[in-house]
N, C-alpha and C. Protein backbone atom coordinates (compact mmCIF):
# COMPACT_ATOMS: atom_id res chain seq x y z
N UNK A 1 23.04 0.06 -3.46
CA UNK A 1 21.73 0.21 -4.11
C UNK A 1 20.89 1.26 -3.39
N UNK A 2 20.81 1.17 -2.04
CA UNK A 2 20.06 2.14 -1.27
C UNK A 2 21.02 3.12 -0.60
N UNK A 3 20.68 4.39 -0.62
CA UNK A 3 21.42 5.39 0.14
C UNK A 3 20.82 5.42 1.54
N UNK A 4 21.44 4.72 2.49
CA UNK A 4 20.84 4.51 3.79
C UNK A 4 21.07 5.68 4.73
N UNK A 5 20.50 6.83 4.38
CA UNK A 5 20.50 7.97 5.27
C UNK A 5 19.33 7.84 6.24
N UNK A 6 19.26 8.69 7.28
CA UNK A 6 18.18 8.57 8.27
C UNK A 6 16.79 8.61 7.65
N UNK A 7 16.59 9.45 6.66
CA UNK A 7 15.29 9.55 6.00
C UNK A 7 14.88 8.21 5.38
N UNK A 8 15.82 7.60 4.65
CA UNK A 8 15.53 6.33 3.99
C UNK A 8 15.29 5.22 5.01
N UNK A 9 16.06 5.21 6.09
CA UNK A 9 15.89 4.18 7.11
C UNK A 9 14.54 4.29 7.79
N UNK A 10 14.09 5.51 8.08
CA UNK A 10 12.78 5.70 8.69
C UNK A 10 11.68 5.24 7.74
N UNK A 11 11.82 5.61 6.47
CA UNK A 11 10.83 5.23 5.46
C UNK A 11 10.73 3.71 5.34
N UNK A 12 11.87 3.05 5.16
CA UNK A 12 11.87 1.60 5.01
C UNK A 12 11.35 0.90 6.27
N UNK A 13 11.75 1.40 7.44
CA UNK A 13 11.29 0.79 8.68
C UNK A 13 9.77 0.89 8.80
N UNK A 14 9.24 2.08 8.54
CA UNK A 14 7.79 2.27 8.65
C UNK A 14 7.01 1.39 7.69
N UNK A 15 7.42 1.38 6.43
CA UNK A 15 6.70 0.63 5.41
C UNK A 15 6.85 -0.88 5.61
N UNK A 16 8.05 -1.34 5.88
CA UNK A 16 8.28 -2.78 6.01
C UNK A 16 7.64 -3.35 7.27
N UNK A 17 7.70 -2.62 8.38
CA UNK A 17 7.05 -3.09 9.61
C UNK A 17 5.55 -3.17 9.41
N UNK A 18 4.96 -2.15 8.77
CA UNK A 18 3.52 -2.13 8.54
C UNK A 18 3.08 -3.29 7.66
N UNK A 19 3.72 -3.46 6.51
CA UNK A 19 3.28 -4.49 5.57
C UNK A 19 3.57 -5.90 6.08
N UNK A 20 4.73 -6.09 6.70
CA UNK A 20 5.08 -7.42 7.19
C UNK A 20 4.17 -7.85 8.34
N UNK A 21 3.92 -6.94 9.27
CA UNK A 21 3.04 -7.27 10.39
C UNK A 21 1.62 -7.53 9.93
N UNK A 22 1.12 -6.73 9.01
CA UNK A 22 -0.23 -6.93 8.49
C UNK A 22 -0.35 -8.27 7.77
N UNK A 23 0.65 -8.62 6.99
CA UNK A 23 0.62 -9.90 6.28
C UNK A 23 0.63 -11.06 7.29
N UNK A 24 1.42 -10.92 8.34
CA UNK A 24 1.49 -11.99 9.35
C UNK A 24 0.16 -12.16 10.09
N UNK A 25 -0.39 -11.06 10.60
CA UNK A 25 -1.64 -11.17 11.36
C UNK A 25 -2.79 -11.64 10.47
N UNK A 26 -2.75 -11.27 9.21
CA UNK A 26 -3.81 -11.71 8.30
C UNK A 26 -3.69 -13.21 8.02
N UNK A 27 -2.48 -13.69 7.87
CA UNK A 27 -2.28 -15.12 7.66
C UNK A 27 -2.56 -15.92 8.93
N UNK A 28 -2.16 -15.37 10.07
CA UNK A 28 -2.25 -16.11 11.34
C UNK A 28 -3.63 -16.01 11.98
N UNK A 29 -4.21 -14.80 11.96
CA UNK A 29 -5.47 -14.57 12.67
C UNK A 29 -6.61 -14.13 11.76
N UNK A 30 -6.34 -14.01 10.47
CA UNK A 30 -7.34 -13.55 9.49
C UNK A 30 -7.85 -12.15 9.81
N UNK A 31 -6.98 -11.32 10.38
CA UNK A 31 -7.39 -9.95 10.73
C UNK A 31 -6.21 -9.00 10.56
N UNK A 32 -6.54 -7.75 10.24
CA UNK A 32 -5.57 -6.66 10.24
C UNK A 32 -6.03 -5.69 11.32
N UNK A 33 -5.25 -5.52 12.35
CA UNK A 33 -5.73 -4.85 13.57
C UNK A 33 -5.57 -3.33 13.49
N UNK A 34 -6.50 -2.66 14.18
CA UNK A 34 -6.44 -1.20 14.26
C UNK A 34 -5.19 -0.72 15.01
N UNK A 35 -4.71 -1.54 15.96
CA UNK A 35 -3.51 -1.13 16.70
C UNK A 35 -2.29 -1.05 15.80
N UNK A 36 -2.39 -1.63 14.62
CA UNK A 36 -1.31 -1.53 13.65
C UNK A 36 -1.54 -0.40 12.65
N UNK A 37 -2.72 -0.36 12.06
CA UNK A 37 -2.97 0.58 10.96
C UNK A 37 -3.13 2.03 11.42
N UNK A 38 -3.79 2.24 12.54
CA UNK A 38 -4.04 3.62 12.98
C UNK A 38 -2.76 4.34 13.40
N UNK A 39 -1.89 3.73 14.25
CA UNK A 39 -0.62 4.41 14.55
C UNK A 39 0.25 4.60 13.31
N UNK A 40 0.25 3.60 12.41
CA UNK A 40 1.04 3.74 11.18
C UNK A 40 0.53 4.89 10.33
N UNK A 41 -0.77 5.08 10.31
CA UNK A 41 -1.37 6.20 9.58
C UNK A 41 -0.88 7.53 10.14
N UNK A 42 -0.90 7.67 11.46
CA UNK A 42 -0.46 8.92 12.09
C UNK A 42 1.04 9.15 11.89
N UNK A 43 1.83 8.09 12.04
CA UNK A 43 3.28 8.21 11.89
C UNK A 43 3.66 8.56 10.44
N UNK A 44 2.86 8.13 9.49
CA UNK A 44 3.13 8.48 8.10
C UNK A 44 3.06 9.97 7.85
N UNK A 45 2.08 10.62 8.44
CA UNK A 45 1.97 12.08 8.29
C UNK A 45 3.16 12.78 8.96
N UNK A 46 3.55 12.27 10.13
CA UNK A 46 4.70 12.86 10.82
C UNK A 46 5.96 12.71 9.97
N UNK A 47 6.15 11.53 9.40
CA UNK A 47 7.31 11.30 8.52
C UNK A 47 7.32 12.29 7.36
N UNK A 48 6.18 12.48 6.73
CA UNK A 48 6.12 13.36 5.57
C UNK A 48 6.43 14.81 5.93
N UNK A 49 5.87 15.30 7.03
CA UNK A 49 6.07 16.70 7.37
C UNK A 49 7.48 16.95 7.88
N UNK A 50 8.08 15.97 8.57
CA UNK A 50 9.43 16.15 9.09
C UNK A 50 10.45 16.20 7.97
N UNK A 51 10.32 15.27 7.00
CA UNK A 51 11.34 15.17 5.96
C UNK A 51 11.02 15.95 4.69
N UNK A 52 9.74 16.25 4.45
CA UNK A 52 9.37 16.91 3.19
C UNK A 52 8.54 18.17 3.35
N UNK A 53 8.05 18.44 4.54
CA UNK A 53 7.28 19.66 4.76
C UNK A 53 5.94 19.64 4.04
N UNK A 54 5.52 20.81 3.59
CA UNK A 54 4.21 20.92 2.93
C UNK A 54 4.10 20.10 1.66
N UNK A 55 5.14 20.04 0.80
CA UNK A 55 5.04 19.15 -0.37
C UNK A 55 4.82 17.69 0.02
N UNK A 56 5.43 17.27 1.14
CA UNK A 56 5.22 15.91 1.61
C UNK A 56 3.79 15.67 2.05
N UNK A 57 3.19 16.66 2.73
CA UNK A 57 1.80 16.53 3.14
C UNK A 57 0.88 16.44 1.94
N UNK A 58 1.16 17.23 0.92
CA UNK A 58 0.35 17.18 -0.30
C UNK A 58 0.48 15.83 -0.99
N UNK A 59 1.70 15.31 -1.05
CA UNK A 59 1.95 14.01 -1.66
C UNK A 59 1.23 12.91 -0.88
N UNK A 60 1.30 12.98 0.44
CA UNK A 60 0.63 12.00 1.28
C UNK A 60 -0.88 12.08 1.12
N UNK A 61 -1.42 13.30 1.05
CA UNK A 61 -2.86 13.47 0.90
C UNK A 61 -3.37 12.90 -0.41
N UNK A 62 -2.64 13.15 -1.49
CA UNK A 62 -3.04 12.61 -2.77
C UNK A 62 -2.90 11.09 -2.79
N UNK A 63 -1.82 10.59 -2.17
CA UNK A 63 -1.65 9.15 -2.08
C UNK A 63 -2.78 8.50 -1.30
N UNK A 64 -3.18 9.13 -0.19
CA UNK A 64 -4.29 8.61 0.60
C UNK A 64 -5.59 8.61 -0.19
N UNK A 65 -5.82 9.67 -0.95
CA UNK A 65 -7.04 9.75 -1.76
C UNK A 65 -7.09 8.61 -2.77
N UNK A 66 -5.94 8.28 -3.35
CA UNK A 66 -5.89 7.20 -4.34
C UNK A 66 -6.00 5.83 -3.68
N UNK A 67 -5.14 5.57 -2.69
CA UNK A 67 -5.10 4.25 -2.07
C UNK A 67 -6.36 3.94 -1.28
N UNK A 68 -6.71 4.80 -0.34
CA UNK A 68 -7.89 4.56 0.48
C UNK A 68 -9.15 4.64 -0.36
N UNK A 69 -9.18 5.61 -1.29
CA UNK A 69 -10.38 5.78 -2.12
C UNK A 69 -10.70 4.56 -2.95
N UNK A 70 -9.69 4.02 -3.64
CA UNK A 70 -9.92 2.84 -4.48
C UNK A 70 -10.30 1.62 -3.65
N UNK A 71 -9.64 1.44 -2.50
CA UNK A 71 -9.97 0.29 -1.67
C UNK A 71 -11.31 0.46 -0.97
N UNK A 72 -11.71 1.69 -0.72
CA UNK A 72 -13.05 1.89 -0.14
C UNK A 72 -14.13 1.50 -1.14
N UNK A 73 -13.88 1.78 -2.41
CA UNK A 73 -14.82 1.34 -3.44
C UNK A 73 -14.90 -0.19 -3.49
N UNK A 74 -13.74 -0.85 -3.39
CA UNK A 74 -13.73 -2.31 -3.34
C UNK A 74 -14.48 -2.82 -2.11
N UNK A 75 -14.29 -2.14 -0.98
CA UNK A 75 -14.98 -2.53 0.24
C UNK A 75 -16.48 -2.34 0.10
N UNK A 76 -16.89 -1.26 -0.56
CA UNK A 76 -18.31 -0.96 -0.71
C UNK A 76 -19.04 -2.01 -1.54
N UNK A 77 -18.33 -2.61 -2.50
CA UNK A 77 -18.96 -3.64 -3.34
C UNK A 77 -18.68 -5.05 -2.83
N UNK A 78 -18.04 -5.16 -1.66
CA UNK A 78 -17.79 -6.45 -1.06
C UNK A 78 -16.61 -7.19 -1.60
N UNK A 79 -15.70 -6.49 -2.26
CA UNK A 79 -14.53 -7.14 -2.86
C UNK A 79 -13.30 -7.07 -1.98
N UNK A 80 -13.35 -6.37 -0.85
CA UNK A 80 -12.24 -6.32 0.09
C UNK A 80 -12.80 -6.08 1.48
N UNK A 81 -11.95 -6.23 2.49
CA UNK A 81 -12.38 -6.04 3.86
C UNK A 81 -12.04 -4.67 4.40
N UNK A 82 -12.61 -4.34 5.55
CA UNK A 82 -12.32 -3.05 6.16
C UNK A 82 -10.87 -2.94 6.59
N UNK A 83 -10.29 -4.03 7.08
CA UNK A 83 -8.88 -4.02 7.47
C UNK A 83 -7.97 -3.78 6.28
N UNK A 84 -8.31 -4.36 5.13
CA UNK A 84 -7.53 -4.13 3.91
C UNK A 84 -7.56 -2.66 3.52
N UNK A 85 -8.74 -2.05 3.64
CA UNK A 85 -8.91 -0.65 3.27
C UNK A 85 -8.09 0.25 4.19
N UNK A 86 -8.14 -0.02 5.50
CA UNK A 86 -7.36 0.79 6.45
C UNK A 86 -5.86 0.57 6.27
N UNK A 87 -5.48 -0.64 5.92
CA UNK A 87 -4.06 -0.91 5.66
C UNK A 87 -3.56 -0.08 4.47
N UNK A 88 -4.31 -0.09 3.38
CA UNK A 88 -3.89 0.69 2.22
C UNK A 88 -3.92 2.18 2.51
N UNK A 89 -4.89 2.63 3.32
CA UNK A 89 -4.94 4.04 3.68
C UNK A 89 -3.71 4.46 4.46
N UNK A 90 -3.29 3.65 5.42
CA UNK A 90 -2.09 3.97 6.20
C UNK A 90 -0.84 3.90 5.34
N UNK A 91 -0.75 2.87 4.52
CA UNK A 91 0.43 2.68 3.68
C UNK A 91 0.59 3.80 2.66
N UNK A 92 -0.51 4.26 2.11
CA UNK A 92 -0.45 5.28 1.05
C UNK A 92 0.10 6.61 1.56
N UNK A 93 -0.10 6.89 2.85
CA UNK A 93 0.45 8.13 3.41
C UNK A 93 1.98 8.08 3.39
N UNK A 94 2.54 6.93 3.66
CA UNK A 94 3.98 6.76 3.61
C UNK A 94 4.51 6.81 2.18
N UNK A 95 3.79 6.17 1.27
CA UNK A 95 4.30 6.00 -0.09
C UNK A 95 4.20 7.23 -0.96
N UNK A 96 3.18 8.06 -0.74
CA UNK A 96 2.93 9.15 -1.69
C UNK A 96 2.15 8.63 -2.88
N UNK A 97 1.73 9.54 -3.76
CA UNK A 97 0.75 9.14 -4.76
C UNK A 97 1.32 8.24 -5.85
N UNK A 98 2.55 8.47 -6.28
CA UNK A 98 3.09 7.66 -7.37
C UNK A 98 3.32 6.22 -6.94
N UNK A 99 4.01 6.03 -5.82
CA UNK A 99 4.25 4.69 -5.34
C UNK A 99 2.94 3.99 -4.97
N UNK A 100 1.98 4.74 -4.44
CA UNK A 100 0.69 4.17 -4.11
C UNK A 100 -0.02 3.66 -5.35
N UNK A 101 0.00 4.46 -6.41
CA UNK A 101 -0.67 4.06 -7.65
C UNK A 101 -0.07 2.77 -8.20
N UNK A 102 1.25 2.69 -8.25
CA UNK A 102 1.90 1.48 -8.73
C UNK A 102 1.60 0.29 -7.82
N UNK A 103 1.57 0.53 -6.51
CA UNK A 103 1.30 -0.55 -5.57
C UNK A 103 -0.12 -1.08 -5.71
N UNK A 104 -1.09 -0.19 -5.88
CA UNK A 104 -2.48 -0.61 -6.05
C UNK A 104 -2.64 -1.45 -7.31
N UNK A 105 -2.05 -0.98 -8.41
CA UNK A 105 -2.16 -1.72 -9.68
C UNK A 105 -1.55 -3.11 -9.54
N UNK A 106 -0.36 -3.18 -8.94
CA UNK A 106 0.31 -4.46 -8.79
C UNK A 106 -0.44 -5.37 -7.81
N UNK A 107 -1.02 -4.77 -6.76
CA UNK A 107 -1.81 -5.55 -5.81
C UNK A 107 -2.99 -6.21 -6.49
N UNK A 108 -3.72 -5.45 -7.28
CA UNK A 108 -4.88 -5.99 -7.98
C UNK A 108 -4.46 -7.11 -8.93
N UNK A 109 -3.31 -6.94 -9.57
CA UNK A 109 -2.80 -7.99 -10.45
C UNK A 109 -2.49 -9.26 -9.66
N UNK A 110 -1.83 -9.11 -8.51
CA UNK A 110 -1.51 -10.27 -7.67
C UNK A 110 -2.78 -10.95 -7.15
N UNK A 111 -3.77 -10.14 -6.77
CA UNK A 111 -5.02 -10.70 -6.27
C UNK A 111 -5.73 -11.49 -7.37
N UNK A 112 -5.74 -10.95 -8.59
CA UNK A 112 -6.37 -11.65 -9.71
C UNK A 112 -5.69 -12.98 -9.97
N UNK A 113 -4.35 -12.97 -9.99
CA UNK A 113 -3.61 -14.20 -10.20
C UNK A 113 -3.87 -15.19 -9.06
N UNK A 114 -3.83 -14.68 -7.82
CA UNK A 114 -4.07 -15.54 -6.67
C UNK A 114 -5.46 -16.13 -6.67
N UNK A 115 -6.46 -15.36 -7.09
CA UNK A 115 -7.83 -15.86 -7.13
C UNK A 115 -7.97 -17.02 -8.11
N UNK A 116 -7.34 -16.86 -9.27
CA UNK A 116 -7.39 -17.93 -10.27
C UNK A 116 -6.71 -19.19 -9.75
N UNK A 117 -5.54 -19.01 -9.11
CA UNK A 117 -4.81 -20.16 -8.58
C UNK A 117 -5.63 -20.85 -7.49
N UNK A 118 -6.24 -20.06 -6.59
CA UNK A 118 -7.05 -20.64 -5.52
C UNK A 118 -8.26 -21.38 -6.08
N UNK A 119 -8.88 -20.82 -7.10
CA UNK A 119 -10.05 -21.44 -7.70
C UNK A 119 -9.68 -22.78 -8.36
N UNK A 120 -8.59 -22.77 -9.10
CA UNK A 120 -8.13 -24.01 -9.75
C UNK A 120 -7.77 -25.06 -8.71
N UNK A 121 -7.08 -24.63 -7.66
CA UNK A 121 -6.69 -25.56 -6.60
C UNK A 121 -7.92 -26.15 -5.91
N UNK A 122 -8.93 -25.33 -5.67
CA UNK A 122 -10.15 -25.80 -5.03
C UNK A 122 -10.88 -26.81 -5.92
N UNK A 123 -10.93 -26.53 -7.21
CA UNK A 123 -11.58 -27.46 -8.14
C UNK A 123 -10.85 -28.79 -8.17
N UNK A 124 -9.53 -28.74 -8.22
CA UNK A 124 -8.75 -29.97 -8.27
C UNK A 124 -8.84 -30.77 -6.98
N UNK A 125 -8.90 -30.07 -5.87
CA UNK A 125 -8.89 -30.74 -4.57
C UNK A 125 -10.27 -31.17 -4.11
N UNK A 126 -11.30 -30.36 -4.43
CA UNK A 126 -12.63 -30.62 -3.87
C UNK A 126 -13.69 -30.89 -4.92
N UNK A 127 -13.37 -30.59 -6.18
CA UNK A 127 -14.35 -30.82 -7.23
C UNK A 127 -15.13 -29.55 -7.57
N UNK A 128 -15.77 -29.57 -8.73
CA UNK A 128 -16.48 -28.38 -9.23
C UNK A 128 -17.71 -28.08 -8.38
N UNK A 129 -18.49 -29.10 -8.06
CA UNK A 129 -19.74 -28.87 -7.33
C UNK A 129 -19.50 -28.31 -5.93
N UNK A 130 -18.51 -28.86 -5.22
CA UNK A 130 -18.22 -28.37 -3.87
C UNK A 130 -17.65 -26.95 -3.92
N UNK A 131 -16.81 -26.66 -4.90
CA UNK A 131 -16.27 -25.31 -5.04
C UNK A 131 -17.38 -24.31 -5.33
N UNK A 132 -18.31 -24.69 -6.20
CA UNK A 132 -19.44 -23.81 -6.50
C UNK A 132 -20.29 -23.57 -5.27
N UNK A 133 -20.50 -24.61 -4.48
CA UNK A 133 -21.27 -24.48 -3.25
C UNK A 133 -20.59 -23.54 -2.26
N UNK A 134 -19.27 -23.67 -2.13
CA UNK A 134 -18.52 -22.80 -1.22
C UNK A 134 -18.54 -21.35 -1.68
N UNK A 135 -18.42 -21.15 -2.98
CA UNK A 135 -18.46 -19.79 -3.52
C UNK A 135 -19.81 -19.14 -3.24
N UNK A 136 -20.88 -19.91 -3.39
CA UNK A 136 -22.21 -19.37 -3.12
C UNK A 136 -22.38 -19.05 -1.65
N UNK A 137 -21.90 -19.94 -0.79
CA UNK A 137 -22.03 -19.73 0.65
C UNK A 137 -21.19 -18.56 1.13
N UNK A 138 -20.03 -18.35 0.49
CA UNK A 138 -19.11 -17.32 0.96
C UNK A 138 -19.59 -15.92 0.66
N UNK A 139 -20.60 -15.78 -0.19
CA UNK A 139 -21.09 -14.45 -0.54
C UNK A 139 -22.42 -14.14 0.15
N UNK A 140 -22.88 -15.02 1.05
CA UNK A 140 -24.14 -14.78 1.75
C UNK A 140 -23.94 -13.82 2.91
N UNK A 141 -24.89 -12.91 3.07
CA UNK A 141 -24.88 -11.97 4.19
C UNK A 141 -26.22 -12.02 4.89
N UNK A 142 -26.26 -11.54 6.14
CA UNK A 142 -27.52 -11.52 6.85
C UNK A 142 -28.32 -10.29 6.46
N UNK A 143 -29.45 -10.09 7.15
CA UNK A 143 -30.33 -8.98 6.80
C UNK A 143 -29.70 -7.62 7.08
N UNK A 144 -28.64 -7.57 7.90
CA UNK A 144 -27.95 -6.31 8.19
C UNK A 144 -26.77 -6.07 7.27
N UNK A 145 -26.57 -6.95 6.30
CA UNK A 145 -25.48 -6.79 5.36
C UNK A 145 -24.14 -7.28 5.88
N UNK A 146 -24.16 -8.02 7.00
CA UNK A 146 -22.92 -8.53 7.58
C UNK A 146 -22.73 -9.99 7.16
N UNK A 147 -21.45 -10.43 7.16
CA UNK A 147 -21.18 -11.83 6.84
C UNK A 147 -21.76 -12.72 7.93
N UNK A 148 -22.37 -13.81 7.52
CA UNK A 148 -23.00 -14.72 8.47
C UNK A 148 -21.97 -15.30 9.44
N UNK A 149 -22.38 -15.49 10.70
CA UNK A 149 -21.46 -15.98 11.73
C UNK A 149 -20.94 -17.37 11.39
N UNK A 150 -21.75 -18.17 10.71
CA UNK A 150 -21.33 -19.53 10.41
C UNK A 150 -20.31 -19.60 9.28
N UNK A 151 -20.11 -18.47 8.62
CA UNK A 151 -19.18 -18.46 7.49
C UNK A 151 -17.74 -18.41 7.99
N UNK A 152 -16.89 -19.30 7.51
CA UNK A 152 -15.50 -19.32 7.93
C UNK A 152 -14.67 -18.36 7.10
N UNK A 153 -13.50 -18.00 7.65
CA UNK A 153 -12.62 -17.09 6.92
C UNK A 153 -12.11 -17.74 5.64
N UNK A 154 -11.92 -19.05 5.67
CA UNK A 154 -11.43 -19.72 4.47
C UNK A 154 -12.43 -19.60 3.33
N UNK A 155 -13.72 -19.68 3.66
CA UNK A 155 -14.74 -19.51 2.63
C UNK A 155 -14.76 -18.08 2.11
N UNK A 156 -14.57 -17.13 2.99
CA UNK A 156 -14.54 -15.73 2.56
C UNK A 156 -13.41 -15.50 1.57
N UNK A 157 -12.28 -16.19 1.77
CA UNK A 157 -11.16 -16.01 0.88
C UNK A 157 -11.39 -16.68 -0.46
N UNK A 158 -12.18 -17.74 -0.49
CA UNK A 158 -12.52 -18.36 -1.77
C UNK A 158 -13.53 -17.51 -2.51
N UNK A 159 -14.39 -16.83 -1.77
CA UNK A 159 -15.44 -16.05 -2.40
C UNK A 159 -15.07 -14.61 -2.63
N UNK A 160 -16.08 -13.72 -2.49
CA UNK A 160 -15.88 -12.33 -2.88
C UNK A 160 -14.92 -11.57 -2.00
N UNK A 161 -14.78 -11.96 -0.72
CA UNK A 161 -13.96 -11.18 0.21
C UNK A 161 -12.59 -11.83 0.35
N UNK A 162 -11.75 -11.66 -0.64
CA UNK A 162 -10.43 -12.27 -0.61
C UNK A 162 -9.45 -11.41 0.18
N UNK A 163 -8.50 -12.07 0.83
CA UNK A 163 -7.49 -11.36 1.60
C UNK A 163 -6.61 -10.52 0.69
N UNK A 164 -6.26 -9.31 1.15
CA UNK A 164 -5.41 -8.42 0.37
C UNK A 164 -4.08 -8.12 1.05
N UNK A 165 -3.93 -8.42 2.32
CA UNK A 165 -2.74 -8.00 3.04
C UNK A 165 -1.47 -8.57 2.43
N UNK A 166 -1.49 -9.86 2.10
CA UNK A 166 -0.30 -10.47 1.51
C UNK A 166 0.01 -9.90 0.13
N UNK A 167 -0.97 -9.78 -0.78
CA UNK A 167 -0.68 -9.13 -2.06
C UNK A 167 -0.22 -7.68 -1.92
N UNK A 168 -0.79 -6.94 -0.95
CA UNK A 168 -0.36 -5.56 -0.72
C UNK A 168 1.11 -5.54 -0.30
N UNK A 169 1.48 -6.42 0.63
CA UNK A 169 2.87 -6.47 1.10
C UNK A 169 3.80 -6.82 -0.05
N UNK A 170 3.47 -7.85 -0.82
CA UNK A 170 4.32 -8.27 -1.93
C UNK A 170 4.44 -7.18 -2.98
N UNK A 171 3.32 -6.54 -3.30
CA UNK A 171 3.34 -5.46 -4.29
C UNK A 171 4.19 -4.29 -3.81
N UNK A 172 4.08 -3.95 -2.52
CA UNK A 172 4.86 -2.84 -1.98
C UNK A 172 6.35 -3.13 -2.06
N UNK A 173 6.75 -4.32 -1.68
CA UNK A 173 8.17 -4.68 -1.71
C UNK A 173 8.70 -4.65 -3.15
N UNK A 174 7.89 -5.13 -4.09
CA UNK A 174 8.32 -5.12 -5.50
C UNK A 174 8.47 -3.69 -6.01
N UNK A 175 7.51 -2.83 -5.67
CA UNK A 175 7.55 -1.45 -6.13
C UNK A 175 8.74 -0.71 -5.54
N UNK A 176 9.01 -0.92 -4.25
CA UNK A 176 10.15 -0.25 -3.62
C UNK A 176 11.47 -0.70 -4.24
N UNK A 177 11.57 -1.99 -4.54
CA UNK A 177 12.79 -2.49 -5.16
C UNK A 177 12.98 -1.89 -6.55
N UNK A 178 11.91 -1.86 -7.32
CA UNK A 178 12.00 -1.28 -8.67
C UNK A 178 12.27 0.22 -8.62
N UNK A 179 11.68 0.89 -7.64
CA UNK A 179 11.90 2.33 -7.49
C UNK A 179 13.36 2.64 -7.18
N UNK A 180 13.96 1.79 -6.38
CA UNK A 180 15.34 2.03 -5.96
C UNK A 180 16.36 1.58 -6.99
N UNK A 181 15.94 0.80 -7.97
CA UNK A 181 16.91 0.23 -8.92
C UNK A 181 16.76 0.77 -10.33
N UNK A 182 15.59 0.56 -10.94
CA UNK A 182 15.50 0.86 -12.38
C UNK A 182 14.44 1.88 -12.75
N UNK A 183 13.31 1.91 -12.03
CA UNK A 183 12.20 2.74 -12.48
C UNK A 183 12.27 4.17 -11.96
N UNK A 184 12.77 4.36 -10.75
CA UNK A 184 12.80 5.70 -10.13
C UNK A 184 11.42 6.35 -10.20
N UNK A 185 10.42 5.65 -9.66
CA UNK A 185 9.04 6.10 -9.75
C UNK A 185 8.82 7.39 -8.99
N UNK A 186 9.22 7.39 -7.72
CA UNK A 186 8.96 8.53 -6.85
C UNK A 186 10.12 9.50 -6.90
N UNK A 187 9.85 10.70 -7.35
CA UNK A 187 10.89 11.71 -7.45
C UNK A 187 10.41 13.02 -6.82
N UNK A 188 11.31 13.66 -6.11
CA UNK A 188 11.04 14.98 -5.54
C UNK A 188 12.14 15.93 -5.98
N UNK A 189 11.81 17.17 -6.12
CA UNK A 189 12.82 18.17 -6.44
C UNK A 189 13.46 18.66 -5.16
N UNK A 190 14.73 18.36 -5.01
CA UNK A 190 15.46 18.75 -3.81
C UNK A 190 16.34 19.94 -4.16
N UNK A 191 16.12 21.02 -3.48
CA UNK A 191 16.87 22.23 -3.79
C UNK A 191 18.26 22.13 -3.19
N UNK A 192 19.25 22.14 -4.05
CA UNK A 192 20.63 22.00 -3.61
C UNK A 192 21.25 23.32 -3.19
N UNK A 193 20.78 24.43 -3.75
CA UNK A 193 21.31 25.74 -3.40
C UNK A 193 20.17 26.66 -3.05
N UNK A 194 19.67 26.63 -1.82
CA UNK A 194 18.49 27.40 -1.46
C UNK A 194 18.69 28.90 -1.54
N UNK A 195 19.87 29.37 -1.32
CA UNK A 195 20.11 30.81 -1.39
C UNK A 195 20.91 31.12 -2.65
N UNK A 196 20.42 32.06 -3.45
CA UNK A 196 21.10 32.42 -4.69
C UNK A 196 22.42 33.12 -4.37
N UNK A 197 23.48 32.64 -5.00
CA UNK A 197 24.79 33.27 -4.82
C UNK A 197 24.90 34.46 -5.76
N UNK A 198 25.52 35.52 -5.28
CA UNK A 198 25.66 36.73 -6.08
C UNK A 198 27.12 36.90 -6.46
N UNK A 199 27.38 37.03 -7.76
CA UNK A 199 28.75 37.17 -8.24
C UNK A 199 29.22 38.62 -8.12
N UNK A 200 30.49 38.86 -8.50
CA UNK A 200 31.07 40.20 -8.38
C UNK A 200 30.35 41.22 -9.23
N UNK A 201 29.77 40.78 -10.37
CA UNK A 201 29.06 41.73 -11.22
C UNK A 201 27.58 41.80 -10.88
N UNK A 202 27.23 41.30 -9.66
CA UNK A 202 25.88 41.37 -9.12
C UNK A 202 24.86 40.59 -9.94
N UNK A 203 25.33 39.54 -10.64
CA UNK A 203 24.41 38.69 -11.38
C UNK A 203 24.11 37.46 -10.53
N UNK A 204 22.82 37.20 -10.21
CA UNK A 204 22.49 36.03 -9.38
C UNK A 204 22.73 34.73 -10.11
N UNK A 205 23.18 33.76 -9.36
CA UNK A 205 23.36 32.43 -9.90
C UNK A 205 22.14 31.61 -9.52
N UNK A 206 21.43 31.01 -10.49
CA UNK A 206 20.17 30.31 -10.24
C UNK A 206 20.42 29.08 -9.37
N UNK A 207 19.50 28.85 -8.44
CA UNK A 207 19.57 27.66 -7.60
C UNK A 207 19.29 26.43 -8.44
N UNK A 208 20.04 25.39 -8.15
CA UNK A 208 19.88 24.17 -8.93
C UNK A 208 18.93 23.22 -8.23
N UNK A 209 18.27 22.40 -9.04
CA UNK A 209 17.35 21.40 -8.53
C UNK A 209 17.71 20.07 -9.12
N UNK A 210 17.57 19.04 -8.31
CA UNK A 210 17.87 17.69 -8.78
C UNK A 210 16.74 16.76 -8.38
N UNK A 211 16.20 16.07 -9.36
CA UNK A 211 15.14 15.11 -9.08
C UNK A 211 15.75 13.77 -8.73
N UNK A 212 15.34 13.24 -7.58
CA UNK A 212 15.92 12.00 -7.11
C UNK A 212 14.83 11.06 -6.64
N UNK A 213 15.04 9.75 -6.77
CA UNK A 213 14.08 8.77 -6.26
C UNK A 213 14.02 8.81 -4.74
N UNK A 214 12.87 8.40 -4.19
CA UNK A 214 12.65 8.45 -2.74
C UNK A 214 13.71 7.68 -1.98
N UNK A 215 14.14 6.53 -2.49
CA UNK A 215 15.08 5.70 -1.75
C UNK A 215 16.53 6.02 -2.07
N UNK A 216 16.77 7.05 -2.84
CA UNK A 216 18.16 7.38 -3.16
C UNK A 216 18.39 8.88 -3.11
N UNK A 217 17.56 9.61 -2.33
CA UNK A 217 17.77 11.05 -2.30
C UNK A 217 18.80 11.44 -1.25
N UNK A 218 19.17 12.71 -1.31
CA UNK A 218 20.25 13.23 -0.45
C UNK A 218 21.54 12.48 -0.69
């Protein structure tokens, strides 16, 4: 299914380590740490320039604009956290714009489904009045616009600031699997004959190009 060349192994290692670690720390400590997202962000640019050159940098830049930009808007309206935004920014550099776009759409879908499930579970377990009270408390901020110290992370997840790391990880894994199997979302033109061959009658033979998915190229 996967063509496990060095390029693919580096890509999978970078993306899977980033998403898996972020999901774990978010579940365990309710935080996505800068020591994870910032190095991953830098390594993503290195990966792109080493394996794809300038087209890779352009793809990463557009992916970052989409992923980080959309999540920054969510952060600005209080619908996501700063760690979620930095996670998507780092991840989008690795994925490029097409995979990032699909991942963002699928993440939002997973978050919407998860929010409904959490809300129903809270109503069944705690009742309508207590759930309403928690939702109101979870959206309160102090005069500086920060979440109140007395507010727990569990309340933040019931309210406006829901965790995104787990949906981001799940969406990324789904997109990569679909890209490698049926959808072939991410494609680059790989030049197979960089130098034009010249025949005996001095007619150049055109270089061929083949579009291949990110996880099955070369």
